[in-house]
Amino acid sequence: MLIKLSKPATLNTYVQPVALPTSCAPAGTMCTVSGWGNTMSSSQYRIWKHNAIIYNHISPPSIISLLLLP
């Protein structure tokens, strides 16, 4: 997901651009997934990072529930 900022970000040690892919990774590719927020209503916000496998792009949305992300 991409977000649109209301004003330009100031680049520094902690804020840097990231290169976007030019094509989709093939099914079965091991990738790193990262993000921030909480996954349970009682948990605190935090940064998380996990490995996930790319599934066929036509897989049903329910496949997301199988990824076991925090």
N, C-alpha and C. Protein backbone atom coordinates (compact mmCIF):
# COMPACT_ATOMS: atom_id res chain seq x y z
N MET A 1 0.84 -1.16 0.00
CA MET A 1 0.00 0.00 0.00
C MET A 1 0.90 1.23 0.00
N LEU A 2 0.52 2.23 -0.76
CA LEU A 2 1.21 3.51 -0.76
C LEU A 2 0.30 4.54 -0.11
N ILE A 3 0.91 5.49 0.56
CA ILE A 3 0.14 6.58 1.16
C ILE A 3 0.59 7.90 0.54
N LYS A 4 -0.30 8.85 0.46
CA LYS A 4 0.04 10.18 -0.05
C LYS A 4 0.12 11.12 1.14
N LEU A 5 1.27 11.76 1.29
CA LEU A 5 1.49 12.68 2.41
C LEU A 5 0.86 14.03 2.09
N SER A 6 0.43 14.73 3.11
CA SER A 6 -0.17 16.06 2.92
C SER A 6 0.89 17.11 2.59
N LYS A 7 2.15 16.82 2.94
CA LYS A 7 3.26 17.72 2.60
C LYS A 7 4.50 16.85 2.38
N PRO A 8 5.51 17.36 1.67
CA PRO A 8 6.70 16.56 1.40
C PRO A 8 7.41 16.12 2.69
N ALA A 9 7.93 14.92 2.69
CA ALA A 9 8.70 14.41 3.83
C ALA A 9 10.09 15.02 3.82
N THR A 10 10.65 15.24 4.99
CA THR A 10 12.02 15.71 5.12
C THR A 10 12.92 14.48 5.23
N LEU A 11 13.81 14.29 4.25
CA LEU A 11 14.70 13.13 4.27
C LEU A 11 15.81 13.35 5.28
N ASN A 12 16.09 12.30 6.06
CA ASN A 12 17.15 12.35 7.06
C ASN A 12 17.62 10.92 7.33
N THR A 13 18.29 10.71 8.43
CA THR A 13 18.80 9.38 8.78
C THR A 13 17.68 8.36 8.90
N TYR A 14 16.52 8.78 9.36
CA TYR A 14 15.41 7.86 9.63
C TYR A 14 14.37 7.81 8.51
N VAL A 15 14.35 8.80 7.65
CA VAL A 15 13.36 8.87 6.57
C VAL A 15 14.11 8.87 5.25
N GLN A 16 13.95 7.81 4.47
CA GLN A 16 14.64 7.67 3.20
C GLN A 16 13.68 7.09 2.16
N PRO A 17 13.89 7.41 0.87
CA PRO A 17 13.04 6.81 -0.16
C PRO A 17 13.38 5.33 -0.34
N VAL A 18 12.46 4.59 -0.87
CA VAL A 18 12.67 3.17 -1.14
C VAL A 18 12.35 2.93 -2.62
N ALA A 19 13.15 2.10 -3.25
CA ALA A 19 12.91 1.77 -4.66
C ALA A 19 11.71 0.82 -4.77
N LEU A 20 10.79 1.13 -5.66
CA LEU A 20 9.64 0.26 -5.88
C LEU A 20 10.00 -0.78 -6.93
N PRO A 21 9.44 -1.97 -6.85
CA PRO A 21 9.75 -3.01 -7.82
C PRO A 21 9.23 -2.65 -9.21
N THR A 22 9.90 -3.15 -10.23
CA THR A 22 9.47 -2.91 -11.60
C THR A 22 8.59 -4.04 -12.12
N SER A 23 8.53 -5.15 -11.38
CA SER A 23 7.66 -6.26 -11.77
C SER A 23 7.27 -7.03 -10.50
N CYS A 24 6.31 -7.92 -10.65
CA CYS A 24 5.85 -8.73 -9.51
C CYS A 24 6.81 -9.89 -9.27
N ALA A 25 7.03 -10.23 -8.01
CA ALA A 25 7.86 -11.39 -7.67
C ALA A 25 7.09 -12.65 -8.03
N PRO A 26 7.80 -13.69 -8.50
CA PRO A 26 7.12 -14.94 -8.83
C PRO A 26 6.58 -15.64 -7.59
N ALA A 27 5.54 -16.44 -7.77
CA ALA A 27 4.96 -17.22 -6.67
C ALA A 27 6.05 -18.07 -6.04
N GLY A 28 6.05 -18.17 -4.72
CA GLY A 28 7.04 -18.96 -4.00
C GLY A 28 8.26 -18.18 -3.55
N THR A 29 8.37 -16.91 -3.93
CA THR A 29 9.50 -16.08 -3.54
C THR A 29 9.40 -15.71 -2.06
N MET A 30 10.50 -15.86 -1.31
CA MET A 30 10.53 -15.46 0.10
C MET A 30 10.81 -13.96 0.15
N CYS A 31 9.97 -13.22 0.84
CA CYS A 31 10.09 -11.76 0.94
C CYS A 31 10.04 -11.33 2.40
N THR A 32 10.50 -10.13 2.66
CA THR A 32 10.39 -9.54 3.99
C THR A 32 9.20 -8.59 3.99
N VAL A 33 8.36 -8.70 5.01
CA VAL A 33 7.19 -7.84 5.17
C VAL A 33 7.43 -7.00 6.41
N SER A 34 7.24 -5.70 6.31
CA SER A 34 7.41 -4.86 7.49
C SER A 34 6.28 -3.85 7.56
N GLY A 35 6.09 -3.28 8.73
CA GLY A 35 5.04 -2.29 8.90
C GLY A 35 5.05 -1.76 10.32
N TRP A 36 4.02 -1.04 10.66
CA TRP A 36 3.91 -0.52 12.01
C TRP A 36 2.44 -0.51 12.39
N GLY A 37 2.20 -0.42 13.66
CA GLY A 37 0.84 -0.40 14.15
C GLY A 37 0.62 -1.52 15.14
N ASN A 38 -0.65 -1.85 15.36
CA ASN A 38 -0.93 -2.96 16.25
C ASN A 38 -1.78 -3.99 15.52
N THR A 39 -1.71 -5.21 15.97
CA THR A 39 -2.46 -6.29 15.34
C THR A 39 -3.57 -6.79 16.26
N MET A 40 -3.60 -6.29 17.47
CA MET A 40 -4.64 -6.66 18.44
C MET A 40 -5.07 -5.39 19.15
N SER A 41 -6.31 -5.31 19.53
CA SER A 41 -6.81 -4.08 20.15
C SER A 41 -6.10 -3.75 21.47
N SER A 42 -5.51 -4.74 22.11
CA SER A 42 -4.86 -4.49 23.40
C SER A 42 -3.35 -4.27 23.28
N SER A 43 -2.78 -4.43 22.09
CA SER A 43 -1.33 -4.29 21.96
C SER A 43 -0.94 -2.84 21.68
N GLN A 44 0.31 -2.50 21.98
CA GLN A 44 0.81 -1.16 21.73
C GLN A 44 1.33 -1.09 20.30
N TYR A 45 1.43 0.13 19.78
CA TYR A 45 1.98 0.32 18.44
C TYR A 45 3.46 -0.04 18.46
N ARG A 46 3.91 -0.70 17.40
CA ARG A 46 5.33 -1.05 17.30
C ARG A 46 5.65 -1.36 15.85
N ILE A 47 6.93 -1.35 15.54
CA ILE A 47 7.39 -1.72 14.21
C ILE A 47 7.59 -3.22 14.20
N TRP A 48 7.19 -3.88 13.11
CA TRP A 48 7.38 -5.32 13.03
C TRP A 48 7.96 -5.69 11.67
N LYS A 49 8.62 -6.83 11.62
CA LYS A 49 9.25 -7.31 10.39
C LYS A 49 9.20 -8.83 10.42
N HIS A 50 8.71 -9.43 9.35
CA HIS A 50 8.62 -10.89 9.25
C HIS A 50 8.87 -11.33 7.83
N ASN A 51 9.14 -12.60 7.67
CA ASN A 51 9.28 -13.17 6.34
C ASN A 51 7.95 -13.75 5.89
N ALA A 52 7.68 -13.68 4.60
CA ALA A 52 6.44 -14.23 4.04
C ALA A 52 6.76 -14.77 2.65
N ILE A 53 5.93 -15.67 2.19
CA ILE A 53 6.09 -16.24 0.85
C ILE A 53 5.04 -15.62 -0.06
N ILE A 54 5.46 -15.23 -1.28
CA ILE A 54 4.54 -14.69 -2.27
C ILE A 54 3.68 -15.82 -2.81
N TYR A 55 2.36 -15.63 -2.77
CA TYR A 55 1.43 -16.60 -3.34
C TYR A 55 0.96 -16.10 -4.69
N ASN A 56 0.42 -16.98 -5.50
CA ASN A 56 -0.11 -16.62 -6.80
C ASN A 56 -1.05 -15.43 -6.65
N HIS A 57 -0.93 -14.46 -7.53
CA HIS A 57 -1.71 -13.22 -7.42
C HIS A 57 -3.21 -13.44 -7.57
N ILE A 58 -3.64 -14.59 -8.07
CA ILE A 58 -5.07 -14.84 -8.21
C ILE A 58 -5.61 -15.65 -7.04
N SER A 59 -4.77 -15.88 -6.03
CA SER A 59 -5.23 -16.60 -4.84
C SER A 59 -6.34 -15.81 -4.16
N PRO A 60 -7.27 -16.48 -3.53
CA PRO A 60 -8.35 -15.75 -2.85
C PRO A 60 -7.80 -14.90 -1.70
N PRO A 61 -8.47 -13.79 -1.37
CA PRO A 61 -8.02 -12.93 -0.27
C PRO A 61 -7.85 -13.67 1.05
N SER A 62 -8.54 -14.79 1.22
CA SER A 62 -8.43 -15.52 2.49
C SER A 62 -7.02 -16.05 2.72
N ILE A 63 -6.19 -16.11 1.68
CA ILE A 63 -4.82 -16.59 1.84
C ILE A 63 -4.05 -15.67 2.78
N ILE A 64 -4.43 -14.40 2.85
CA ILE A 64 -3.75 -13.44 3.73
C ILE A 64 -3.83 -13.91 5.18
N SER A 65 -4.91 -14.54 5.56
CA SER A 65 -5.05 -15.00 6.94
C SER A 65 -4.07 -16.11 7.28
N LEU A 66 -3.44 -16.71 6.28
CA LEU A 66 -2.49 -17.80 6.52
C LEU A 66 -1.07 -17.32 6.75
N LEU A 67 -0.80 -16.03 6.61
CA LEU A 67 0.56 -15.52 6.67
C LEU A 67 1.14 -15.46 8.08
N LEU A 68 0.33 -15.55 9.10
CA LEU A 68 0.78 -15.55 10.50
C LEU A 68 1.65 -14.36 10.86
N LEU A 69 1.24 -13.17 10.43
CA LEU A 69 1.96 -11.96 10.81
C LEU A 69 1.51 -11.57 12.21
N PRO A 70 2.36 -10.83 12.93
CA PRO A 70 1.99 -10.48 14.31
C PRO A 70 0.76 -9.59 14.36
